[in-house]
Amino acid sequence: MRLKYRFQVAGLHPFISGGILLTRSTTDSTVSYGCTGAQGSCLPADYPYQRPLDGTNTSTSTQRGVAAGAGLEFKTRLVTITPEFRYTRLLQGNAQDDRFTGMVGFTFGKRK
C-alpha cells in the first residue's frame, strides 16, 4: 500500500510517496546425499528413516518494510513519463536491508 502526493512548483510536477511494503520470495534448492563407504555401510538395513538420494527443498518467506520515494511527472499529449527514486527498508527479525531503486513509469493515453 502506498500513498502519493502530487504538487506543482514553477511549472514542474514533483511528487512524494510513502507506504508499507510486503514482499514474498521463494527459493528452491536441490539436495543430494551419497555414501562414500561400501554398499549398505552408511545406514543399517533396519534404520527407521531412509534419506532420499536426491530431492528439492522449497522455502518461502514474506518480508515487511517501509518505502519512501520522490520523482517528477512529465506530461505530453499521449504519454506521461514518471521517473522515481525509492528508498526501501525491509525489516525481518533483527536483520535490516536498505535498498535504493530508480525506476521510470509510462502511462499511455490522455490523463484527466
N, C-alpha and C. Protein backbone atom coordinates (compact mmCIF):
# COMPACT_ATOMS: atom_id res chain seq x y z
N MET A 1 0.85 -1.16 0.00
CA MET A 1 0.00 0.00 0.00
C MET A 1 0.90 1.23 0.00
N ARG A 2 0.56 2.20 -0.83
CA ARG A 2 1.39 3.37 -0.96
C ARG A 2 0.51 4.60 -1.21
N LEU A 3 0.90 5.71 -0.62
CA LEU A 3 0.23 6.99 -0.84
C LEU A 3 1.14 7.89 -1.64
N LYS A 4 0.55 8.66 -2.56
CA LYS A 4 1.33 9.57 -3.40
C LYS A 4 0.71 10.96 -3.32
N TYR A 5 1.57 11.96 -3.11
CA TYR A 5 1.11 13.35 -3.06
C TYR A 5 1.79 14.11 -4.19
N ARG A 6 0.98 14.70 -5.08
CA ARG A 6 1.49 15.48 -6.21
C ARG A 6 1.27 16.96 -5.94
N PHE A 7 2.23 17.78 -6.38
CA PHE A 7 2.08 19.23 -6.27
C PHE A 7 2.79 19.87 -7.44
N GLN A 8 2.65 21.18 -7.59
CA GLN A 8 3.24 21.89 -8.71
C GLN A 8 4.11 23.02 -8.19
N VAL A 9 5.36 23.06 -8.72
CA VAL A 9 6.32 24.10 -8.34
C VAL A 9 6.96 24.64 -9.61
N ALA A 10 6.71 25.90 -9.91
CA ALA A 10 7.33 26.58 -11.06
C ALA A 10 7.24 25.78 -12.35
N GLY A 11 6.05 25.28 -12.65
CA GLY A 11 5.84 24.54 -13.89
C GLY A 11 6.26 23.08 -13.84
N LEU A 12 6.87 22.64 -12.76
CA LEU A 12 7.25 21.24 -12.61
C LEU A 12 6.16 20.49 -11.85
N HIS A 13 6.12 19.18 -12.00
CA HIS A 13 5.13 18.36 -11.32
C HIS A 13 5.82 17.29 -10.46
N PRO A 14 6.43 17.71 -9.34
CA PRO A 14 7.06 16.72 -8.47
C PRO A 14 6.03 15.98 -7.62
N PHE A 15 6.45 14.87 -7.05
CA PHE A 15 5.59 14.12 -6.13
C PHE A 15 6.46 13.41 -5.10
N ILE A 16 5.84 13.09 -3.98
CA ILE A 16 6.47 12.27 -2.96
C ILE A 16 5.53 11.11 -2.66
N SER A 17 6.09 10.01 -2.22
CA SER A 17 5.26 8.85 -1.91
C SER A 17 5.82 8.13 -0.70
N GLY A 18 4.97 7.37 -0.05
CA GLY A 18 5.39 6.58 1.10
C GLY A 18 4.37 5.51 1.39
N GLY A 19 4.81 4.47 2.06
CA GLY A 19 3.87 3.40 2.40
C GLY A 19 4.56 2.20 2.97
N ILE A 20 3.79 1.12 3.08
CA ILE A 20 4.32 -0.13 3.58
C ILE A 20 4.57 -1.08 2.42
N LEU A 21 5.45 -2.03 2.64
CA LEU A 21 5.87 -2.92 1.57
C LEU A 21 5.81 -4.36 2.08
N LEU A 22 5.24 -5.24 1.28
CA LEU A 22 5.22 -6.67 1.56
C LEU A 22 5.85 -7.37 0.37
N THR A 23 6.87 -8.18 0.60
CA THR A 23 7.49 -8.95 -0.48
C THR A 23 7.46 -10.42 -0.10
N ARG A 24 7.34 -11.24 -1.10
CA ARG A 24 7.34 -12.68 -0.87
C ARG A 24 8.35 -13.30 -1.82
N SER A 25 9.24 -14.12 -1.29
CA SER A 25 10.24 -14.77 -2.12
C SER A 25 10.22 -16.27 -1.86
N THR A 26 10.46 -17.02 -2.92
CA THR A 26 10.51 -18.47 -2.85
C THR A 26 11.86 -18.93 -3.37
N THR A 27 12.50 -19.84 -2.64
CA THR A 27 13.80 -20.35 -3.03
C THR A 27 13.72 -21.86 -3.15
N ASP A 28 14.16 -22.38 -4.29
CA ASP A 28 14.24 -23.82 -4.50
C ASP A 28 15.71 -24.22 -4.43
N SER A 29 16.00 -25.29 -3.72
CA SER A 29 17.38 -25.80 -3.67
C SER A 29 17.35 -27.31 -3.85
N THR A 30 18.36 -27.81 -4.52
CA THR A 30 18.47 -29.24 -4.76
C THR A 30 19.43 -29.83 -3.75
N VAL A 31 19.04 -30.93 -3.16
CA VAL A 31 19.83 -31.60 -2.13
C VAL A 31 20.21 -32.98 -2.64
N SER A 32 21.48 -33.31 -2.51
CA SER A 32 21.96 -34.63 -2.91
C SER A 32 22.70 -35.25 -1.74
N TYR A 33 22.43 -36.51 -1.49
CA TYR A 33 23.11 -37.27 -0.45
C TYR A 33 23.82 -38.44 -1.11
N GLY A 34 24.91 -38.85 -0.51
CA GLY A 34 25.61 -40.01 -1.03
C GLY A 34 26.41 -40.68 0.08
N CYS A 35 26.78 -41.90 -0.16
CA CYS A 35 27.56 -42.67 0.78
C CYS A 35 28.88 -43.00 0.12
N THR A 36 29.99 -42.71 0.79
CA THR A 36 31.30 -42.99 0.21
C THR A 36 31.85 -44.34 0.66
N GLY A 37 31.13 -45.01 1.56
CA GLY A 37 31.59 -46.32 2.03
C GLY A 37 31.07 -47.43 1.14
N ALA A 38 31.31 -48.63 1.59
CA ALA A 38 30.84 -49.79 0.85
C ALA A 38 29.31 -49.82 0.85
N GLN A 39 28.73 -50.51 -0.12
CA GLN A 39 27.28 -50.57 -0.24
C GLN A 39 26.66 -51.14 1.03
N GLY A 40 25.67 -50.42 1.57
CA GLY A 40 24.99 -50.86 2.77
C GLY A 40 25.70 -50.47 4.07
N SER A 41 26.85 -49.77 3.99
CA SER A 41 27.59 -49.44 5.21
C SER A 41 27.19 -48.10 5.83
N CYS A 42 26.48 -47.25 5.12
CA CYS A 42 26.14 -45.93 5.66
C CYS A 42 25.04 -46.01 6.71
N LEU A 43 24.00 -46.76 6.44
CA LEU A 43 22.90 -46.92 7.39
C LEU A 43 22.57 -48.40 7.50
N PRO A 44 22.32 -48.87 8.68
CA PRO A 44 21.90 -50.27 8.80
C PRO A 44 20.58 -50.51 8.07
N ALA A 45 20.36 -51.71 7.63
CA ALA A 45 19.16 -52.04 6.85
C ALA A 45 17.88 -51.81 7.63
N ASP A 46 17.93 -51.92 8.98
CA ASP A 46 16.72 -51.74 9.78
C ASP A 46 16.58 -50.30 10.31
N TYR A 47 17.36 -49.34 9.78
CA TYR A 47 17.28 -47.94 10.21
C TYR A 47 15.90 -47.40 9.88
N PRO A 48 15.20 -46.70 10.81
CA PRO A 48 13.78 -46.33 10.58
C PRO A 48 13.57 -45.22 9.56
N TYR A 49 14.57 -44.44 9.24
CA TYR A 49 14.38 -43.32 8.30
C TYR A 49 15.39 -43.46 7.18
N GLN A 50 14.91 -43.51 5.98
CA GLN A 50 15.79 -43.57 4.82
C GLN A 50 15.78 -42.22 4.12
N ARG A 51 16.95 -41.66 3.92
CA ARG A 51 17.05 -40.38 3.20
C ARG A 51 16.92 -40.60 1.70
N PRO A 52 16.28 -39.66 1.02
CA PRO A 52 16.26 -39.76 -0.44
C PRO A 52 17.65 -39.43 -0.99
N LEU A 53 17.99 -40.05 -2.10
CA LEU A 53 19.29 -39.75 -2.70
C LEU A 53 19.31 -38.35 -3.29
N ASP A 54 18.23 -37.92 -3.86
CA ASP A 54 18.13 -36.57 -4.42
C ASP A 54 16.77 -36.00 -4.05
N GLY A 55 16.70 -34.67 -3.91
CA GLY A 55 15.42 -34.05 -3.59
C GLY A 55 15.51 -32.55 -3.77
N THR A 56 14.36 -31.90 -3.71
CA THR A 56 14.28 -30.46 -3.84
C THR A 56 13.60 -29.90 -2.61
N ASN A 57 14.22 -28.93 -2.00
CA ASN A 57 13.62 -28.22 -0.86
C ASN A 57 13.15 -26.86 -1.34
N THR A 58 11.96 -26.47 -0.90
CA THR A 58 11.41 -25.16 -1.24
C THR A 58 11.15 -24.40 0.05
N SER A 59 11.63 -23.16 0.11
CA SER A 59 11.35 -22.32 1.27
C SER A 59 10.75 -21.01 0.79
N THR A 60 9.77 -20.51 1.52
CA THR A 60 9.09 -19.28 1.18
C THR A 60 9.15 -18.33 2.37
N SER A 61 9.44 -17.06 2.10
CA SER A 61 9.47 -16.07 3.17
C SER A 61 8.73 -14.81 2.74
N THR A 62 8.10 -14.17 3.71
CA THR A 62 7.42 -12.90 3.47
C THR A 62 8.13 -11.86 4.31
N GLN A 63 8.51 -10.74 3.68
CA GLN A 63 9.19 -9.67 4.38
C GLN A 63 8.31 -8.43 4.37
N ARG A 64 8.42 -7.66 5.44
CA ARG A 64 7.68 -6.41 5.56
C ARG A 64 8.68 -5.27 5.66
N GLY A 65 8.23 -4.09 5.25
CA GLY A 65 9.11 -2.94 5.33
C GLY A 65 8.37 -1.65 5.07
N VAL A 66 9.15 -0.58 4.96
CA VAL A 66 8.61 0.74 4.66
C VAL A 66 9.30 1.26 3.41
N ALA A 67 8.60 2.11 2.67
CA ALA A 67 9.14 2.68 1.45
C ALA A 67 8.81 4.16 1.37
N ALA A 68 9.74 4.94 0.82
CA ALA A 68 9.53 6.37 0.58
C ALA A 68 10.17 6.70 -0.75
N GLY A 69 9.52 7.57 -1.51
CA GLY A 69 10.05 7.91 -2.83
C GLY A 69 9.76 9.35 -3.21
N ALA A 70 10.44 9.77 -4.28
CA ALA A 70 10.23 11.11 -4.83
C ALA A 70 10.51 11.05 -6.33
N GLY A 71 9.82 11.91 -7.07
CA GLY A 71 10.03 11.93 -8.52
C GLY A 71 9.36 13.11 -9.17
N LEU A 72 9.36 13.09 -10.51
CA LEU A 72 8.75 14.15 -11.33
C LEU A 72 7.85 13.51 -12.38
N GLU A 73 6.78 14.21 -12.73
CA GLU A 73 5.92 13.78 -13.84
C GLU A 73 6.14 14.71 -15.02
N PHE A 74 6.36 14.11 -16.18
CA PHE A 74 6.46 14.86 -17.43
C PHE A 74 5.28 14.44 -18.29
N LYS A 75 4.38 15.38 -18.58
CA LYS A 75 3.17 15.05 -19.33
C LYS A 75 3.30 15.56 -20.76
N THR A 76 2.96 14.69 -21.70
CA THR A 76 2.82 15.08 -23.09
C THR A 76 1.38 14.77 -23.50
N ARG A 77 1.09 14.97 -24.75
CA ARG A 77 -0.27 14.76 -25.20
C ARG A 77 -0.70 13.29 -25.11
N LEU A 78 0.22 12.35 -25.34
CA LEU A 78 -0.14 10.94 -25.39
C LEU A 78 0.46 10.08 -24.27
N VAL A 79 1.48 10.58 -23.61
CA VAL A 79 2.15 9.76 -22.61
C VAL A 79 2.59 10.61 -21.42
N THR A 80 2.55 10.01 -20.24
CA THR A 80 3.10 10.63 -19.03
C THR A 80 4.30 9.79 -18.60
N ILE A 81 5.45 10.44 -18.46
CA ILE A 81 6.68 9.77 -18.06
C ILE A 81 6.97 10.18 -16.62
N THR A 82 7.21 9.17 -15.75
CA THR A 82 7.36 9.42 -14.33
C THR A 82 8.61 8.74 -13.78
N PRO A 83 9.78 9.41 -13.82
CA PRO A 83 10.95 8.84 -13.14
C PRO A 83 10.81 9.00 -11.62
N GLU A 84 11.25 7.97 -10.89
CA GLU A 84 11.11 8.00 -9.44
C GLU A 84 12.31 7.30 -8.80
N PHE A 85 12.76 7.84 -7.67
CA PHE A 85 13.77 7.21 -6.84
C PHE A 85 13.09 6.78 -5.55
N ARG A 86 13.32 5.52 -5.15
CA ARG A 86 12.64 5.00 -3.98
C ARG A 86 13.63 4.39 -3.00
N TYR A 87 13.41 4.66 -1.72
CA TYR A 87 14.17 4.07 -0.64
C TYR A 87 13.28 3.06 0.06
N THR A 88 13.80 1.85 0.27
CA THR A 88 13.04 0.79 0.92
C THR A 88 13.87 0.20 2.05
N ARG A 89 13.26 0.02 3.18
CA ARG A 89 13.91 -0.66 4.31
C ARG A 89 13.08 -1.87 4.67
N LEU A 90 13.65 -3.05 4.41
CA LEU A 90 12.99 -4.30 4.77
C LEU A 90 13.38 -4.66 6.19
N LEU A 91 12.40 -5.07 6.96
CA LEU A 91 12.62 -5.44 8.35
C LEU A 91 12.18 -6.88 8.54
N GLN A 92 13.08 -7.73 8.98
CA GLN A 92 12.73 -9.12 9.24
C GLN A 92 13.57 -9.58 10.41
N GLY A 93 12.94 -9.76 11.57
CA GLY A 93 13.69 -10.12 12.76
C GLY A 93 14.65 -9.01 13.12
N ASN A 94 15.90 -9.34 13.34
CA ASN A 94 16.91 -8.34 13.66
C ASN A 94 17.65 -7.85 12.42
N ALA A 95 17.46 -8.52 11.29
CA ALA A 95 18.16 -8.12 10.07
C ALA A 95 17.49 -6.92 9.44
N GLN A 96 18.29 -6.03 8.89
CA GLN A 96 17.76 -4.86 8.19
C GLN A 96 18.37 -4.82 6.80
N ASP A 97 17.58 -4.45 5.83
CA ASP A 97 18.02 -4.42 4.45
C ASP A 97 17.57 -3.10 3.85
N ASP A 98 18.52 -2.22 3.50
CA ASP A 98 18.22 -0.92 2.89
C ASP A 98 18.44 -1.03 1.38
N ARG A 99 17.47 -0.53 0.61
CA ARG A 99 17.57 -0.58 -0.86
C ARG A 99 17.22 0.77 -1.44
N PHE A 100 17.95 1.16 -2.48
CA PHE A 100 17.65 2.35 -3.26
C PHE A 100 17.36 1.89 -4.68
N THR A 101 16.23 2.32 -5.22
CA THR A 101 15.80 1.87 -6.54
C THR A 101 15.45 3.07 -7.40
N GLY A 102 15.89 3.05 -8.64
CA GLY A 102 15.49 4.05 -9.62
C GLY A 102 14.60 3.38 -10.66
N MET A 103 13.49 4.01 -11.00
CA MET A 103 12.57 3.42 -11.96
C MET A 103 11.89 4.51 -12.77
N VAL A 104 11.32 4.10 -13.89
CA VAL A 104 10.59 5.03 -14.76
C VAL A 104 9.25 4.39 -15.11
N GLY A 105 8.16 5.14 -14.90
CA GLY A 105 6.83 4.67 -15.24
C GLY A 105 6.32 5.38 -16.49
N PHE A 106 5.56 4.67 -17.31
CA PHE A 106 4.96 5.22 -18.52
C PHE A 106 3.44 4.99 -18.45
N THR A 107 2.67 6.06 -18.62
CA THR A 107 1.23 5.97 -18.67
C THR A 107 0.79 6.48 -20.04
N PHE A 108 0.09 5.63 -20.78
CA PHE A 108 -0.32 5.99 -22.13
C PHE A 108 -1.78 6.41 -22.13
N GLY A 109 -2.09 7.36 -22.94
CA GLY A 109 -3.45 7.89 -23.02
C GLY A 109 -3.54 9.25 -22.35
N LYS A 110 -4.59 9.95 -22.66
CA LYS A 110 -4.78 11.28 -22.08
C LYS A 110 -5.22 11.15 -20.64
N ARG A 111 -4.56 11.85 -19.76
CA ARG A 111 -4.85 11.80 -18.33
C ARG A 111 -5.76 12.94 -17.95
N LYS A 112 -6.75 12.66 -17.14
CA LYS A 112 -7.69 13.70 -16.72
C LYS A 112 -7.23 14.38 -15.49
